[in-house]
Amino acid sequence: RNLEKIEEFEDLMPWSKTLPKNCYIQS
């Protein structure tokens, strides 16, 4: 990705609901 537009990368933020499933701690 273009890091100059990183403020637009909401899907990468740790509170995003679209992260890969394995990112979420099961509990």
PDB file of all heavy atoms in Angstrom:
ATOM      1  N   ARG A   1       0.820  -1.210   0.000  1.00  0.00           N
ATOM      2  CA  ARG A   1       0.000   0.000   0.000  1.00  0.00           C
ATOM      3  C   ARG A   1       0.859   1.268   0.000  1.00  0.00           C
ATOM      4  O   ARG A   1       2.038   1.238   0.343  1.00  0.00           O
ATOM      5  CB  ARG A   1      -0.928   0.010   1.212  1.00  0.00           C
ATOM      6  CG  ARG A   1      -1.789  -1.249   1.305  1.00  0.00           C
ATOM      7  CD  ARG A   1      -2.966  -1.021   2.192  1.00  0.00           C
ATOM      8  NE  ARG A   1      -3.754  -2.244   2.397  1.00  0.00           N
ATOM      9  CZ  ARG A   1      -4.952  -2.266   2.963  1.00  0.00           C
ATOM     10  NH1 ARG A   1      -5.510  -1.139   3.398  1.00  0.00           N
ATOM     11  NH2 ARG A   1      -5.609  -3.399   3.114  1.00  0.00           N
ATOM     12  N   ASN A   2       0.204   2.362  -0.352  1.00  0.00           N
ATOM     13  CA  ASN A   2       0.835   3.671  -0.348  1.00  0.00           C
ATOM     14  C   ASN A   2       0.754   4.237   1.067  1.00  0.00           C
ATOM     15  O   ASN A   2      -0.315   4.650   1.523  1.00  0.00           O
ATOM     16  CB  ASN A   2       0.130   4.597  -1.344  1.00  0.00           C
ATOM     17  CG  ASN A   2       0.778   5.967  -1.406  1.00  0.00           C
ATOM     18  OD1 ASN A   2       1.780   6.230  -0.739  1.00  0.00           O
ATOM     19  ND2 ASN A   2       0.211   6.851  -2.219  1.00  0.00           N
ATOM     20  N   LEU A   3       1.870   4.282   1.749  1.00  0.00           N
ATOM     21  CA  LEU A   3       1.868   4.687   3.154  1.00  0.00           C
ATOM     22  C   LEU A   3       1.575   6.169   3.342  1.00  0.00           C
ATOM     23  O   LEU A   3       1.336   6.618   4.460  1.00  0.00           O
ATOM     24  CB  LEU A   3       3.204   4.335   3.801  1.00  0.00           C
ATOM     25  CG  LEU A   3       3.545   2.842   3.855  1.00  0.00           C
ATOM     26  CD1 LEU A   3       4.820   2.610   4.642  1.00  0.00           C
ATOM     27  CD2 LEU A   3       2.407   2.042   4.459  1.00  0.00           C
ATOM     28  N   GLU A   4       1.600   6.938   2.254  1.00  0.00           N
ATOM     29  CA  GLU A   4       1.239   8.349   2.374  1.00  0.00           C
ATOM     30  C   GLU A   4      -0.263   8.527   2.621  1.00  0.00           C
ATOM     31  O   GLU A   4      -0.705   9.590   3.032  1.00  0.00           O
ATOM     32  CB  GLU A   4       1.650   9.101   1.108  1.00  0.00           C
ATOM     33  CG  GLU A   4       3.166   9.157   0.905  1.00  0.00           C
ATOM     34  CD  GLU A   4       3.545   9.909  -0.350  1.00  0.00           C
ATOM     35  OE1 GLU A   4       2.616  10.372  -1.067  1.00  0.00           O
ATOM     36  OE2 GLU A   4       4.756  10.061  -0.625  1.00  0.00           O
ATOM     37  N   LYS A   5      -1.028   7.471   2.380  1.00  0.00           N
ATOM     38  CA  LYS A   5      -2.475   7.526   2.610  1.00  0.00           C
ATOM     39  C   LYS A   5      -2.887   6.594   3.748  1.00  0.00           C
ATOM     40  O   LYS A   5      -3.984   6.040   3.744  1.00  0.00           O
ATOM     41  CB  LYS A   5      -3.224   7.130   1.332  1.00  0.00           C
ATOM     42  CG  LYS A   5      -2.960   8.054   0.150  1.00  0.00           C
ATOM     43  CD  LYS A   5      -3.746   7.605  -1.072  1.00  0.00           C
ATOM     44  CE  LYS A   5      -3.502   8.543  -2.251  1.00  0.00           C
ATOM     45  NZ  LYS A   5      -4.276   8.112  -3.461  1.00  0.00           N
ATOM     46  N   ILE A   6      -2.004   6.448   4.698  1.00  0.00           N
ATOM     47  CA  ILE A   6      -2.258   5.462   5.750  1.00  0.00           C
ATOM     48  C   ILE A   6      -3.465   5.818   6.602  1.00  0.00           C
ATOM     49  O   ILE A   6      -4.094   4.951   7.203  1.00  0.00           O
ATOM     50  CB  ILE A   6      -0.997   5.287   6.633  1.00  0.00           C
ATOM     51  CG1 ILE A   6      -1.095   3.982   7.426  1.00  0.00           C
ATOM     52  CG2 ILE A   6      -0.791   6.487   7.550  1.00  0.00           C
ATOM     53  CD1 ILE A   6       0.192   3.540   8.043  1.00  0.00           C
ATOM     54  N   GLU A   7      -3.820   7.112   6.664  1.00  0.00           N
ATOM     55  CA  GLU A   7      -5.003   7.492   7.445  1.00  0.00           C
ATOM     56  C   GLU A   7      -6.281   6.919   6.855  1.00  0.00           C
ATOM     57  O   GLU A   7      -7.316   6.869   7.519  1.00  0.00           O
ATOM     58  CB  GLU A   7      -5.099   9.023   7.543  1.00  0.00           C
ATOM     59  CG  GLU A   7      -5.403   9.741   6.248  1.00  0.00           C
ATOM     60  CD  GLU A   7      -4.166   9.970   5.373  1.00  0.00           C
ATOM     61  OE1 GLU A   7      -3.058   9.570   5.806  1.00  0.00           O
ATOM     62  OE2 GLU A   7      -4.317  10.555   4.294  1.00  0.00           O
ATOM     63  N   GLU A   8      -6.222   6.458   5.605  1.00  0.00           N
ATOM     64  CA  GLU A   8      -7.393   5.877   4.948  1.00  0.00           C
ATOM     65  C   GLU A   8      -7.505   4.380   5.188  1.00  0.00           C
ATOM     66  O   GLU A   8      -8.506   3.767   4.830  1.00  0.00           O
ATOM     67  CB  GLU A   8      -7.328   6.151   3.434  1.00  0.00           C
ATOM     68  CG  GLU A   8      -7.277   7.635   3.075  1.00  0.00           C
ATOM     69  CD  GLU A   8      -7.125   7.853   1.580  1.00  0.00           C
ATOM     70  OE1 GLU A   8      -7.172   6.842   0.831  1.00  0.00           O
ATOM     71  OE2 GLU A   8      -6.953   9.011   1.157  1.00  0.00           O
ATOM     72  N   PHE A   9      -6.502   3.783   5.792  1.00  0.00           N
ATOM     73  CA  PHE A   9      -6.481   2.326   5.932  1.00  0.00           C
ATOM     74  C   PHE A   9      -7.225   1.891   7.199  1.00  0.00           C
ATOM     75  O   PHE A   9      -6.653   1.301   8.112  1.00  0.00           O
ATOM     76  CB  PHE A   9      -5.033   1.823   5.975  1.00  0.00           C
ATOM     77  CG  PHE A   9      -4.230   2.156   4.751  1.00  0.00           C
ATOM     78  CD1 PHE A   9      -2.849   2.165   4.789  1.00  0.00           C
ATOM     79  CD2 PHE A   9      -4.853   2.474   3.550  1.00  0.00           C
ATOM     80  CE1 PHE A   9      -2.103   2.472   3.666  1.00  0.00           C
ATOM     81  CE2 PHE A   9      -4.112   2.788   2.427  1.00  0.00           C
ATOM     82  CZ  PHE A   9      -2.730   2.788   2.480  1.00  0.00           C
ATOM     83  N   GLU A  10      -8.497   2.172   7.250  1.00  0.00           N
ATOM     84  CA  GLU A  10      -9.293   1.826   8.427  1.00  0.00           C
ATOM     85  C   GLU A  10      -9.379   0.314   8.603  1.00  0.00           C
ATOM     86  O   GLU A  10      -9.545  -0.176   9.721  1.00  0.00           O
ATOM     87  CB  GLU A  10     -10.696   2.420   8.299  1.00  0.00           C
ATOM     88  CG  GLU A  10     -11.459   2.511   9.596  1.00  0.00           C
ATOM     89  CD  GLU A  10     -10.817   3.471  10.589  1.00  0.00           C
ATOM     90  OE1 GLU A  10     -10.205   4.470  10.167  1.00  0.00           O
ATOM     91  OE2 GLU A  10     -10.929   3.203  11.804  1.00  0.00           O
ATOM     92  N   ASP A  11      -9.255  -0.427   7.518  1.00  0.00           N
ATOM     93  CA  ASP A  11      -9.344  -1.882   7.613  1.00  0.00           C
ATOM     94  C   ASP A  11      -8.120  -2.503   8.284  1.00  0.00           C
ATOM     95  O   ASP A  11      -8.144  -3.679   8.668  1.00  0.00           O
ATOM     96  CB  ASP A  11      -9.518  -2.489   6.219  1.00  0.00           C
ATOM     97  CG  ASP A  11      -8.347  -2.166   5.294  1.00  0.00           C
ATOM     98  OD1 ASP A  11      -7.923  -0.994   5.269  1.00  0.00           O
ATOM     99  OD2 ASP A  11      -7.848  -3.076   4.618  1.00  0.00           O
ATOM    100  N   LEU A  12      -7.040  -1.720   8.456  1.00  0.00           N
ATOM    101  CA  LEU A  12      -5.841  -2.233   9.103  1.00  0.00           C
ATOM    102  C   LEU A  12      -5.811  -1.923  10.595  1.00  0.00           C
ATOM    103  O   LEU A  12      -4.980  -2.479  11.319  1.00  0.00           O
ATOM    104  CB  LEU A  12      -4.587  -1.629   8.451  1.00  0.00           C
ATOM    105  CG  LEU A  12      -4.364  -1.884   6.962  1.00  0.00           C
ATOM    106  CD1 LEU A  12      -3.034  -1.298   6.536  1.00  0.00           C
ATOM    107  CD2 LEU A  12      -4.415  -3.367   6.647  1.00  0.00           C
ATOM    108  N   MET A  13      -6.677  -1.044  11.052  1.00  0.00           N
ATOM    109  CA  MET A  13      -6.651  -0.635  12.450  1.00  0.00           C
ATOM    110  C   MET A  13      -7.039  -1.801  13.371  1.00  0.00           C
ATOM    111  O   MET A  13      -7.861  -2.642  12.999  1.00  0.00           O
ATOM    112  CB  MET A  13      -7.582   0.556  12.674  1.00  0.00           C
ATOM    113  CG  MET A  13      -7.159   1.797  11.912  1.00  0.00           C
ATOM    114  SD  MET A  13      -5.502   2.328  12.416  1.00  0.00           S
ATOM    115  CE  MET A  13      -5.062   3.427  11.062  1.00  0.00           C
ATOM    116  N   PRO A  14      -6.474  -1.865  14.556  1.00  0.00           N
ATOM    117  CA  PRO A  14      -6.722  -3.024  15.436  1.00  0.00           C
ATOM    118  C   PRO A  14      -8.156  -3.147  15.914  1.00  0.00           C
ATOM    119  O   PRO A  14      -8.537  -4.200  16.411  1.00  0.00           O
ATOM    120  CB  PRO A  14      -5.761  -2.781  16.614  1.00  0.00           C
ATOM    121  CG  PRO A  14      -5.464  -1.324  16.570  1.00  0.00           C
ATOM    122  CD  PRO A  14      -5.509  -0.936  15.129  1.00  0.00           C
ATOM    123  N   TRP A  15      -8.949  -2.100  15.785  1.00  0.00           N
ATOM    124  CA  TRP A  15     -10.361  -2.170  16.163  1.00  0.00           C
ATOM    125  C   TRP A  15     -11.262  -2.446  14.957  1.00  0.00           C
ATOM    126  O   TRP A  15     -12.479  -2.472  15.083  1.00  0.00           O
ATOM    127  CB  TRP A  15     -10.787  -0.862  16.827  1.00  0.00           C
ATOM    128  CG  TRP A  15     -10.365   0.351  16.064  1.00  0.00           C
ATOM    129  CD1 TRP A  15     -10.991   0.910  14.984  1.00  0.00           C
ATOM    130  CD2 TRP A  15      -9.190   1.140  16.302  1.00  0.00           C
ATOM    131  NE1 TRP A  15     -10.281   1.995  14.536  1.00  0.00           N
ATOM    132  CE2 TRP A  15      -9.185   2.168  15.328  1.00  0.00           C
ATOM    133  CE3 TRP A  15      -8.168   1.083  17.239  1.00  0.00           C
ATOM    134  CZ2 TRP A  15      -8.166   3.118  15.277  1.00  0.00           C
ATOM    135  CZ3 TRP A  15      -7.165   2.043  17.182  1.00  0.00           C
ATOM    136  CH2 TRP A  15      -7.170   3.043  16.213  1.00  0.00           C
ATOM    137  N   SER A  16     -10.664  -2.665  13.794  1.00  0.00           N
ATOM    138  CA  SER A  16     -11.448  -2.950  12.597  1.00  0.00           C
ATOM    139  C   SER A  16     -12.186  -4.287  12.735  1.00  0.00           C
ATOM    140  O   SER A  16     -11.653  -5.242  13.300  1.00  0.00           O
ATOM    141  CB  SER A  16     -10.539  -2.983  11.368  1.00  0.00           C
ATOM    142  OG  SER A  16     -11.234  -3.432  10.227  1.00  0.00           O
ATOM    143  N   LYS A  17     -13.392  -4.332  12.200  1.00  0.00           N
ATOM    144  CA  LYS A  17     -14.190  -5.560  12.240  1.00  0.00           C
ATOM    145  C   LYS A  17     -13.923  -6.453  11.035  1.00  0.00           C
ATOM    146  O   LYS A  17     -14.517  -7.524  10.905  1.00  0.00           O
ATOM    147  CB  LYS A  17     -15.684  -5.211  12.287  1.00  0.00           C
ATOM    148  CG  LYS A  17     -16.084  -4.325  13.450  1.00  0.00           C
ATOM    149  CD  LYS A  17     -15.768  -4.967  14.791  1.00  0.00           C
ATOM    150  CE  LYS A  17     -16.223  -4.078  15.945  1.00  0.00           C
ATOM    151  NZ  LYS A  17     -15.857  -4.652  17.271  1.00  0.00           N
ATOM    152  N   THR A  18     -13.020  -6.022  10.152  1.00  0.00           N
ATOM    153  CA  THR A  18     -12.757  -6.784   8.931  1.00  0.00           C
ATOM    154  C   THR A  18     -11.385  -7.441   8.927  1.00  0.00           C
ATOM    155  O   THR A  18     -10.912  -7.886   7.875  1.00  0.00           O
ATOM    156  CB  THR A  18     -12.897  -5.868   7.694  1.00  0.00           C
ATOM    157  OG1 THR A  18     -11.947  -4.792   7.800  1.00  0.00           O
ATOM    158  CG2 THR A  18     -14.302  -5.304   7.603  1.00  0.00           C
ATOM    159  N   LEU A  19     -10.730  -7.503  10.060  1.00  0.00           N
ATOM    160  CA  LEU A  19      -9.439  -8.187  10.126  1.00  0.00           C
ATOM    161  C   LEU A  19      -9.629  -9.682   9.881  1.00  0.00           C
ATOM    162  O   LEU A  19     -10.721 -10.210  10.086  1.00  0.00           O
ATOM    163  CB  LEU A  19      -8.797  -7.966  11.501  1.00  0.00           C
ATOM    164  CG  LEU A  19      -8.395  -6.537  11.874  1.00  0.00           C
ATOM    165  CD1 LEU A  19      -7.889  -6.497  13.306  1.00  0.00           C
ATOM    166  CD2 LEU A  19      -7.351  -5.992  10.923  1.00  0.00           C
ATOM    167  N   PRO A  20      -8.586 -10.376   9.466  1.00  0.00           N
ATOM    168  CA  PRO A  20      -8.699 -11.842   9.308  1.00  0.00           C
ATOM    169  C   PRO A  20      -9.161 -12.488  10.603  1.00  0.00           C
ATOM    170  O   PRO A  20      -8.826 -12.035  11.700  1.00  0.00           O
ATOM    171  CB  PRO A  20      -7.268 -12.260   8.947  1.00  0.00           C
ATOM    172  CG  PRO A  20      -6.663 -11.043   8.323  1.00  0.00           C
ATOM    173  CD  PRO A  20      -7.265  -9.869   9.034  1.00  0.00           C
ATOM    174  N   LYS A  21      -9.921 -13.552  10.493  1.00  0.00           N
ATOM    175  CA  LYS A  21     -10.522 -14.201  11.666  1.00  0.00           C
ATOM    176  C   LYS A  21      -9.481 -14.659  12.684  1.00  0.00           C
ATOM    177  O   LYS A  21      -9.725 -14.639  13.889  1.00  0.00           O
ATOM    178  CB  LYS A  21     -11.384 -15.383  11.218  1.00  0.00           C
ATOM    179  CG  LYS A  21     -12.657 -14.971  10.495  1.00  0.00           C
ATOM    180  CD  LYS A  21     -13.500 -16.183  10.150  1.00  0.00           C
ATOM    181  CE  LYS A  21     -14.782 -15.764   9.452  1.00  0.00           C
ATOM    182  NZ  LYS A  21     -15.638 -16.935   9.111  1.00  0.00           N
ATOM    183  N   ASN A  22      -8.314 -15.079  12.198  1.00  0.00           N
ATOM    184  CA  ASN A  22      -7.321 -15.588  13.146  1.00  0.00           C
ATOM    185  C   ASN A  22      -6.703 -14.485  14.005  1.00  0.00           C
ATOM    186  O   ASN A  22      -5.991 -14.769  14.975  1.00  0.00           O
ATOM    187  CB  ASN A  22      -6.215 -16.350  12.419  1.00  0.00           C
ATOM    188  CG  ASN A  22      -5.447 -15.471  11.437  1.00  0.00           C
ATOM    189  OD1 ASN A  22      -5.742 -14.296  11.259  1.00  0.00           O
ATOM    190  ND2 ASN A  22      -4.473 -16.060  10.774  1.00  0.00           N
ATOM    191  N   CYS A  23      -6.970 -13.224  13.684  1.00  0.00           N
ATOM    192  CA  CYS A  23      -6.444 -12.117  14.474  1.00  0.00           C
ATOM    193  C   CYS A  23      -7.166 -11.974  15.810  1.00  0.00           C
ATOM    194  O   CYS A  23      -6.591 -11.478  16.774  1.00  0.00           O
ATOM    195  CB  CYS A  23      -6.556 -10.801  13.703  1.00  0.00           C
ATOM    196  SG  CYS A  23      -5.352 -10.628  12.355  1.00  0.00           S
ATOM    197  N   TYR A  24      -8.421 -12.411  15.843  1.00  0.00           N
ATOM    198  CA  TYR A  24      -9.209 -12.180  17.041  1.00  0.00           C
ATOM    199  C   TYR A  24      -8.939 -13.261  18.078  1.00  0.00           C
ATOM    200  O   TYR A  24      -8.987 -14.458  17.781  1.00  0.00           O
ATOM    201  CB  TYR A  24     -10.700 -12.148  16.704  1.00  0.00           C
ATOM    202  CG  TYR A  24     -11.065 -11.047  15.738  1.00  0.00           C
ATOM    203  CD1 TYR A  24     -11.199 -11.291  14.378  1.00  0.00           C
ATOM    204  CD2 TYR A  24     -11.251  -9.744  16.192  1.00  0.00           C
ATOM    205  CE1 TYR A  24     -11.510 -10.280  13.487  1.00  0.00           C
ATOM    206  CE2 TYR A  24     -11.568  -8.722  15.311  1.00  0.00           C
ATOM    207  CZ  TYR A  24     -11.697  -8.996  13.958  1.00  0.00           C
ATOM    208  OH  TYR A  24     -12.002  -7.998  13.085  1.00  0.00           O
ATOM    209  N   ILE A  25      -8.646 -12.818  19.305  1.00  0.00           N
ATOM    210  CA  ILE A  25      -8.475 -13.760  20.402  1.00  0.00           C
ATOM    211  C   ILE A  25      -9.810 -14.413  20.676  1.00  0.00           C
ATOM    212  O   ILE A  25     -10.841 -13.749  20.751  1.00  0.00           O
ATOM    213  CB  ILE A  25      -7.949 -13.039  21.661  1.00  0.00           C
ATOM    214  CG1 ILE A  25      -6.560 -12.462  21.369  1.00  0.00           C
ATOM    215  CG2 ILE A  25      -7.899 -13.987  22.858  1.00  0.00           C
ATOM    216  CD1 ILE A  25      -5.983 -11.653  22.511  1.00  0.00           C
ATOM    217  N   GLN A  26      -9.813 -15.724  20.835  1.00  0.00           N
ATOM    218  CA  GLN A  26     -11.057 -16.486  20.900  1.00  0.00           C
ATOM    219  C   GLN A  26     -11.984 -16.004  22.007  1.00  0.00           C
ATOM    220  O   GLN A  26     -13.187 -15.912  21.822  1.00  0.00           O
ATOM    221  CB  GLN A  26     -10.742 -17.970  21.083  1.00  0.00           C
ATOM    222  CG  GLN A  26     -10.035 -18.557  19.874  1.00  0.00           C
ATOM    223  CD  GLN A  26      -9.493 -19.948  20.133  1.00  0.00           C
ATOM    224  OE1 GLN A  26      -9.587 -20.454  21.232  1.00  0.00           O
ATOM    225  NE2 GLN A  26      -8.920 -20.555  19.114  1.00  0.00           N
ATOM    226  N   SER A  27     -11.422 -15.680  23.172  1.00  0.00           N
ATOM    227  CA  SER A  27     -12.265 -15.257  24.292  1.00  0.00           C
ATOM    228  C   SER A  27     -12.891 -13.912  24.063  1.00  0.00           C
ATOM    229  O   SER A  27     -13.787 -13.500  24.773  1.00  0.00           O
ATOM    230  CB  SER A  27     -11.429 -15.193  25.573  1.00  0.00           C
ATOM    231  OG  SER A  27     -10.351 -14.269  25.412  1.00  0.00           O
TER     232      SER A  27
END
